[in-house]
Amino acid sequence: MPDPSVLEIPDNGGPVAVLADLHLKSYFWLGGNPLKFHGLEDRLFQHDLDALIIAGDLSDTLGPSLQDALAYLARYVPADRIYIVPGNHDFYRGRLDDDRRLRDMVRGNGSWFAQQT
């Protein structure tokens, strides 16, 4: 029987993308498209990704900006293929031990929270 504390990322033979330190709130304030700005929009999301792993600092604040960032990514990759490993800035205006609140936001978007809680 599989260990329920282990999150397995699917491998269906497609690509897996790993991005970190996007800090999307900063781009949203300026009205920009961060993936396009960095040349990632066409390069990463023209393929049917098996998974998108965000390795920390998706946003800069725990709350609505994190929800906006998750919704933004879901325009490119189905939400259930997005895996969030939180970074310190994802907890800003919250507490570093507030995994439950962050997890609930990520899961509420239909994505995966990849941190032991």
N, C-alpha and C. Protein backbone atom coordinates (compact mmCIF):
# COMPACT_ATOMS: atom_id res chain seq x y z
N MET A 1 0.83 -1.17 0.00
CA MET A 1 0.00 0.00 0.00
C MET A 1 0.89 1.26 0.00
N PRO A 2 0.58 2.25 -0.88
CA PRO A 2 1.42 3.44 -0.95
C PRO A 2 1.35 4.28 0.33
N ASP A 3 2.45 4.93 0.62
CA ASP A 3 2.55 5.79 1.80
C ASP A 3 1.78 7.09 1.51
N PRO A 4 0.71 7.41 2.28
CA PRO A 4 -0.08 8.60 2.00
C PRO A 4 0.67 9.91 2.24
N SER A 5 1.81 9.86 2.93
CA SER A 5 2.58 11.08 3.16
C SER A 5 3.52 11.40 2.01
N VAL A 6 3.56 10.53 1.00
CA VAL A 6 4.44 10.75 -0.15
C VAL A 6 3.60 11.25 -1.32
N LEU A 7 3.99 12.36 -1.88
CA LEU A 7 3.31 12.94 -3.04
C LEU A 7 4.07 12.52 -4.28
N GLU A 8 3.42 11.77 -5.14
CA GLU A 8 4.07 11.31 -6.36
C GLU A 8 3.69 12.22 -7.51
N ILE A 9 4.69 12.68 -8.23
CA ILE A 9 4.47 13.51 -9.41
C ILE A 9 4.39 12.57 -10.61
N PRO A 10 3.34 12.71 -11.41
CA PRO A 10 3.14 11.76 -12.50
C PRO A 10 4.23 11.84 -13.56
N ASP A 11 4.52 10.70 -14.13
CA ASP A 11 5.46 10.62 -15.24
C ASP A 11 4.75 9.88 -16.37
N ASN A 12 4.19 10.67 -17.27
CA ASN A 12 3.48 10.09 -18.41
C ASN A 12 4.28 10.22 -19.69
N GLY A 13 5.59 10.42 -19.54
CA GLY A 13 6.46 10.53 -20.70
C GLY A 13 6.57 11.94 -21.23
N GLY A 14 5.86 12.89 -20.59
CA GLY A 14 5.93 14.28 -21.03
C GLY A 14 6.92 15.07 -20.20
N PRO A 15 7.12 16.32 -20.56
CA PRO A 15 8.09 17.14 -19.84
C PRO A 15 7.58 17.58 -18.47
N VAL A 16 8.52 17.83 -17.59
CA VAL A 16 8.26 18.40 -16.27
C VAL A 16 9.07 19.69 -16.21
N ALA A 17 8.44 20.78 -15.82
CA ALA A 17 9.12 22.06 -15.70
C ALA A 17 9.26 22.41 -14.23
N VAL A 18 10.41 22.99 -13.88
CA VAL A 18 10.66 23.45 -12.52
C VAL A 18 11.02 24.93 -12.61
N LEU A 19 10.25 25.75 -11.91
CA LEU A 19 10.50 27.19 -11.85
C LEU A 19 10.60 27.60 -10.39
N ALA A 20 11.41 28.61 -10.12
CA ALA A 20 11.56 29.10 -8.75
C ALA A 20 11.68 30.62 -8.76
N ASP A 21 11.36 31.20 -7.64
CA ASP A 21 11.54 32.64 -7.43
C ASP A 21 10.85 33.49 -8.47
N LEU A 22 9.62 33.15 -8.80
CA LEU A 22 8.88 33.95 -9.78
C LEU A 22 8.42 35.30 -9.21
N HIS A 23 8.08 35.34 -7.93
CA HIS A 23 7.64 36.58 -7.28
C HIS A 23 6.60 37.31 -8.15
N LEU A 24 5.54 36.62 -8.49
CA LEU A 24 4.57 37.13 -9.44
C LEU A 24 3.87 38.41 -8.99
N LYS A 25 3.72 38.61 -7.69
CA LYS A 25 3.03 39.82 -7.23
C LYS A 25 3.71 41.07 -7.76
N SER A 26 5.03 41.07 -7.82
CA SER A 26 5.77 42.23 -8.32
C SER A 26 5.40 42.54 -9.77
N TYR A 27 5.26 41.52 -10.57
CA TYR A 27 4.89 41.72 -11.98
C TYR A 27 3.43 42.17 -12.10
N PHE A 28 2.57 41.60 -11.29
CA PHE A 28 1.15 41.96 -11.35
C PHE A 28 0.96 43.43 -11.02
N TRP A 29 1.75 43.96 -10.07
CA TRP A 29 1.66 45.38 -9.72
C TRP A 29 1.96 46.26 -10.93
N LEU A 30 2.89 45.80 -11.75
CA LEU A 30 3.31 46.58 -12.91
C LEU A 30 2.47 46.27 -14.15
N GLY A 31 1.53 45.34 -14.03
CA GLY A 31 0.66 45.00 -15.14
C GLY A 31 1.34 44.18 -16.22
N GLY A 32 2.43 43.51 -15.87
CA GLY A 32 3.18 42.74 -16.85
C GLY A 32 2.84 41.26 -16.85
N ASN A 33 3.32 40.58 -17.86
CA ASN A 33 3.19 39.14 -17.99
C ASN A 33 4.57 38.55 -17.71
N PRO A 34 4.80 38.04 -16.50
CA PRO A 34 6.15 37.60 -16.13
C PRO A 34 6.70 36.47 -16.98
N LEU A 35 5.88 35.52 -17.36
CA LEU A 35 6.40 34.42 -18.17
C LEU A 35 6.81 34.90 -19.55
N LYS A 36 6.03 35.80 -20.11
CA LYS A 36 6.39 36.36 -21.42
C LYS A 36 7.65 37.23 -21.30
N PHE A 37 7.73 38.03 -20.24
CA PHE A 37 8.87 38.90 -20.01
C PHE A 37 10.18 38.11 -19.99
N HIS A 38 10.17 36.94 -19.36
CA HIS A 38 11.38 36.12 -19.25
C HIS A 38 11.53 35.12 -20.39
N GLY A 39 10.67 35.18 -21.40
CA GLY A 39 10.77 34.29 -22.53
C GLY A 39 10.35 32.86 -22.23
N LEU A 40 9.55 32.68 -21.19
CA LEU A 40 9.15 31.33 -20.78
C LEU A 40 7.79 30.93 -21.31
N GLU A 41 6.96 31.90 -21.63
CA GLU A 41 5.59 31.61 -22.03
C GLU A 41 5.55 30.63 -23.21
N ASP A 42 6.26 30.91 -24.26
CA ASP A 42 6.26 30.04 -25.44
C ASP A 42 7.11 28.79 -25.23
N ARG A 43 8.25 28.94 -24.56
CA ARG A 43 9.18 27.82 -24.42
C ARG A 43 8.66 26.73 -23.50
N LEU A 44 8.03 27.09 -22.42
CA LEU A 44 7.59 26.08 -21.45
C LEU A 44 6.19 25.58 -21.68
N PHE A 45 5.31 26.46 -22.08
CA PHE A 45 3.90 26.11 -22.04
C PHE A 45 3.31 25.78 -23.40
N GLN A 46 4.16 25.60 -24.40
CA GLN A 46 3.64 25.13 -25.67
C GLN A 46 3.53 23.60 -25.66
N HIS A 47 4.12 22.99 -24.65
CA HIS A 47 4.08 21.54 -24.50
C HIS A 47 3.02 21.15 -23.47
N ASP A 48 2.55 19.94 -23.56
CA ASP A 48 1.61 19.41 -22.57
C ASP A 48 2.43 18.86 -21.40
N LEU A 49 2.64 19.69 -20.39
CA LEU A 49 3.48 19.30 -19.26
C LEU A 49 2.82 18.24 -18.39
N ASP A 50 3.60 17.27 -17.96
CA ASP A 50 3.12 16.33 -16.95
C ASP A 50 3.01 17.03 -15.61
N ALA A 51 3.92 17.95 -15.34
CA ALA A 51 3.91 18.66 -14.06
C ALA A 51 4.68 19.97 -14.18
N LEU A 52 4.21 20.95 -13.42
CA LEU A 52 4.92 22.20 -13.22
C LEU A 52 5.22 22.28 -11.73
N ILE A 53 6.48 22.29 -11.39
CA ILE A 53 6.90 22.36 -9.99
C ILE A 53 7.38 23.78 -9.73
N ILE A 54 6.75 24.43 -8.77
CA ILE A 54 7.18 25.76 -8.35
C ILE A 54 8.00 25.56 -7.08
N ALA A 55 9.29 25.80 -7.19
CA ALA A 55 10.22 25.53 -6.10
C ALA A 55 10.48 26.80 -5.29
N GLY A 56 9.44 27.33 -4.71
CA GLY A 56 9.58 28.45 -3.79
C GLY A 56 9.31 29.81 -4.39
N ASP A 57 8.71 30.66 -3.58
CA ASP A 57 8.49 32.08 -3.86
C ASP A 57 7.70 32.33 -5.14
N LEU A 58 6.53 31.71 -5.20
CA LEU A 58 5.61 31.95 -6.31
C LEU A 58 5.11 33.38 -6.25
N SER A 59 4.75 33.83 -5.08
CA SER A 59 4.24 35.19 -4.90
C SER A 59 5.13 35.88 -3.88
N ASP A 60 4.63 36.96 -3.34
CA ASP A 60 5.37 37.67 -2.30
C ASP A 60 4.54 37.85 -1.05
N THR A 61 3.33 37.31 -1.04
CA THR A 61 2.45 37.51 0.09
C THR A 61 1.48 36.34 0.20
N LEU A 62 1.25 35.91 1.40
CA LEU A 62 0.23 34.90 1.67
C LEU A 62 -1.13 35.59 1.61
N GLY A 63 -1.98 35.14 0.75
CA GLY A 63 -3.31 35.74 0.64
C GLY A 63 -3.71 35.89 -0.82
N PRO A 64 -4.44 36.98 -1.13
CA PRO A 64 -4.96 37.13 -2.49
C PRO A 64 -3.90 37.11 -3.58
N SER A 65 -2.72 37.65 -3.34
CA SER A 65 -1.71 37.63 -4.41
C SER A 65 -1.26 36.21 -4.72
N LEU A 66 -1.24 35.34 -3.72
CA LEU A 66 -0.92 33.94 -3.97
C LEU A 66 -2.02 33.29 -4.79
N GLN A 67 -3.26 33.60 -4.46
CA GLN A 67 -4.38 33.05 -5.24
C GLN A 67 -4.34 33.56 -6.68
N ASP A 68 -3.99 34.83 -6.87
CA ASP A 68 -3.85 35.39 -8.22
C ASP A 68 -2.74 34.67 -8.99
N ALA A 69 -1.64 34.39 -8.31
CA ALA A 69 -0.51 33.71 -8.95
C ALA A 69 -0.89 32.29 -9.37
N LEU A 70 -1.61 31.59 -8.52
CA LEU A 70 -2.06 30.23 -8.86
C LEU A 70 -3.02 30.26 -10.05
N ALA A 71 -3.93 31.21 -10.06
CA ALA A 71 -4.88 31.34 -11.17
C ALA A 71 -4.14 31.69 -12.46
N TYR A 72 -3.12 32.52 -12.37
CA TYR A 72 -2.31 32.89 -13.53
C TYR A 72 -1.65 31.64 -14.14
N LEU A 73 -1.01 30.83 -13.30
CA LEU A 73 -0.35 29.63 -13.80
C LEU A 73 -1.34 28.64 -14.40
N ALA A 74 -2.53 28.58 -13.83
CA ALA A 74 -3.55 27.65 -14.31
C ALA A 74 -4.07 28.03 -15.70
N ARG A 75 -3.75 29.23 -16.16
CA ARG A 75 -4.08 29.60 -17.55
C ARG A 75 -3.20 28.84 -18.53
N TYR A 76 -2.03 28.39 -18.07
CA TYR A 76 -1.05 27.73 -18.93
C TYR A 76 -0.97 26.23 -18.69
N VAL A 77 -1.17 25.82 -17.44
CA VAL A 77 -1.03 24.42 -17.05
C VAL A 77 -2.25 24.06 -16.20
N PRO A 78 -2.89 22.93 -16.46
CA PRO A 78 -4.03 22.56 -15.60
C PRO A 78 -3.62 22.58 -14.13
N ALA A 79 -4.50 23.12 -13.30
CA ALA A 79 -4.19 23.30 -11.87
C ALA A 79 -3.75 22.01 -11.20
N ASP A 80 -4.32 20.88 -11.61
CA ASP A 80 -3.96 19.62 -10.95
C ASP A 80 -2.59 19.09 -11.36
N ARG A 81 -1.90 19.81 -12.23
CA ARG A 81 -0.53 19.45 -12.60
C ARG A 81 0.50 20.42 -12.02
N ILE A 82 0.04 21.31 -11.15
CA ILE A 82 0.92 22.30 -10.52
C ILE A 82 1.23 21.86 -9.10
N TYR A 83 2.51 21.83 -8.77
CA TYR A 83 3.00 21.40 -7.46
C TYR A 83 3.76 22.56 -6.83
N ILE A 84 3.31 22.99 -5.66
CA ILE A 84 3.91 24.14 -4.99
C ILE A 84 4.75 23.68 -3.82
N VAL A 85 6.04 23.99 -3.88
CA VAL A 85 6.94 23.85 -2.74
C VAL A 85 7.15 25.27 -2.24
N PRO A 86 6.62 25.62 -1.08
CA PRO A 86 6.65 27.02 -0.66
C PRO A 86 8.05 27.50 -0.30
N GLY A 87 8.25 28.79 -0.56
CA GLY A 87 9.47 29.46 -0.14
C GLY A 87 9.14 30.47 0.95
N ASN A 88 10.14 31.12 1.48
CA ASN A 88 9.90 32.03 2.59
C ASN A 88 8.99 33.19 2.21
N HIS A 89 9.07 33.70 1.00
CA HIS A 89 8.21 34.82 0.61
C HIS A 89 6.75 34.42 0.45
N ASP A 90 6.48 33.16 0.22
CA ASP A 90 5.09 32.71 0.12
C ASP A 90 4.37 32.82 1.46
N PHE A 91 5.12 32.92 2.53
CA PHE A 91 4.54 33.05 3.87
C PHE A 91 4.49 34.50 4.35
N TYR A 92 4.97 35.44 3.55
CA TYR A 92 5.04 36.83 3.98
C TYR A 92 3.65 37.33 4.37
N ARG A 93 3.59 38.05 5.46
CA ARG A 93 2.35 38.51 6.09
C ARG A 93 1.59 37.36 6.73
N GLY A 94 2.26 36.28 6.89
CA GLY A 94 1.74 35.13 7.62
C GLY A 94 2.82 34.68 8.57
N ARG A 95 2.86 33.40 8.86
CA ARG A 95 3.89 32.84 9.73
C ARG A 95 4.53 31.66 9.02
N LEU A 96 5.82 31.45 9.24
CA LEU A 96 6.52 30.35 8.59
C LEU A 96 5.98 28.99 9.01
N ASP A 97 5.27 28.93 10.13
CA ASP A 97 4.69 27.66 10.53
C ASP A 97 3.20 27.57 10.16
N ASP A 98 2.77 28.44 9.27
CA ASP A 98 1.36 28.48 8.87
C ASP A 98 1.14 27.66 7.59
N ASP A 99 1.65 26.45 7.58
CA ASP A 99 1.50 25.58 6.41
C ASP A 99 0.04 25.29 6.08
N ARG A 100 -0.77 25.14 7.09
CA ARG A 100 -2.17 24.77 6.85
C ARG A 100 -2.89 25.82 6.00
N ARG A 101 -2.70 27.08 6.32
CA ARG A 101 -3.36 28.14 5.56
C ARG A 101 -2.87 28.16 4.11
N LEU A 102 -1.58 28.06 3.92
CA LEU A 102 -1.00 28.03 2.58
C LEU A 102 -1.47 26.79 1.82
N ARG A 103 -1.43 25.65 2.49
CA ARG A 103 -1.89 24.41 1.87
C ARG A 103 -3.34 24.52 1.41
N ASP A 104 -4.19 25.10 2.26
CA ASP A 104 -5.61 25.23 1.91
C ASP A 104 -5.80 26.13 0.70
N MET A 105 -5.00 27.19 0.57
CA MET A 105 -5.09 28.06 -0.60
C MET A 105 -4.68 27.31 -1.87
N VAL A 106 -3.59 26.58 -1.78
CA VAL A 106 -3.09 25.84 -2.94
C VAL A 106 -4.10 24.75 -3.34
N ARG A 107 -4.56 24.00 -2.37
CA ARG A 107 -5.54 22.94 -2.67
C ARG A 107 -6.86 23.51 -3.16
N GLY A 108 -7.25 24.68 -2.64
CA GLY A 108 -8.47 25.33 -3.08
C GLY A 108 -8.43 25.70 -4.55
N ASN A 109 -7.24 25.86 -5.07
CA ASN A 109 -7.05 26.15 -6.49
C ASN A 109 -7.03 24.87 -7.32
N GLY A 110 -6.98 23.73 -6.65
CA GLY A 110 -6.92 22.44 -7.36
C GLY A 110 -5.51 21.96 -7.60
N SER A 111 -4.53 22.65 -6.99
CA SER A 111 -3.12 22.29 -7.16
C SER A 111 -2.63 21.49 -5.96
N TRP A 112 -1.38 21.08 -6.01
CA TRP A 112 -0.78 20.23 -4.98
C TRP A 112 0.17 21.04 -4.11
N PHE A 113 0.11 20.81 -2.81
CA PHE A 113 1.00 21.44 -1.85
C PHE A 113 2.06 20.41 -1.49
N ALA A 114 3.28 20.65 -1.90
CA ALA A 114 4.34 19.65 -1.74
C ALA A 114 5.24 20.00 -0.56
N GLN A 115 4.65 19.89 0.62
CA GLN A 115 5.41 20.10 1.84
C GLN A 115 4.76 19.27 2.94
N GLN A 116 5.57 18.68 3.74
CA GLN A 116 5.04 17.86 4.83
C GLN A 116 4.36 18.77 5.84
N THR A 117 3.11 18.45 6.17
CA THR A 117 2.39 19.24 7.17
C THR A 117 1.87 18.34 8.26
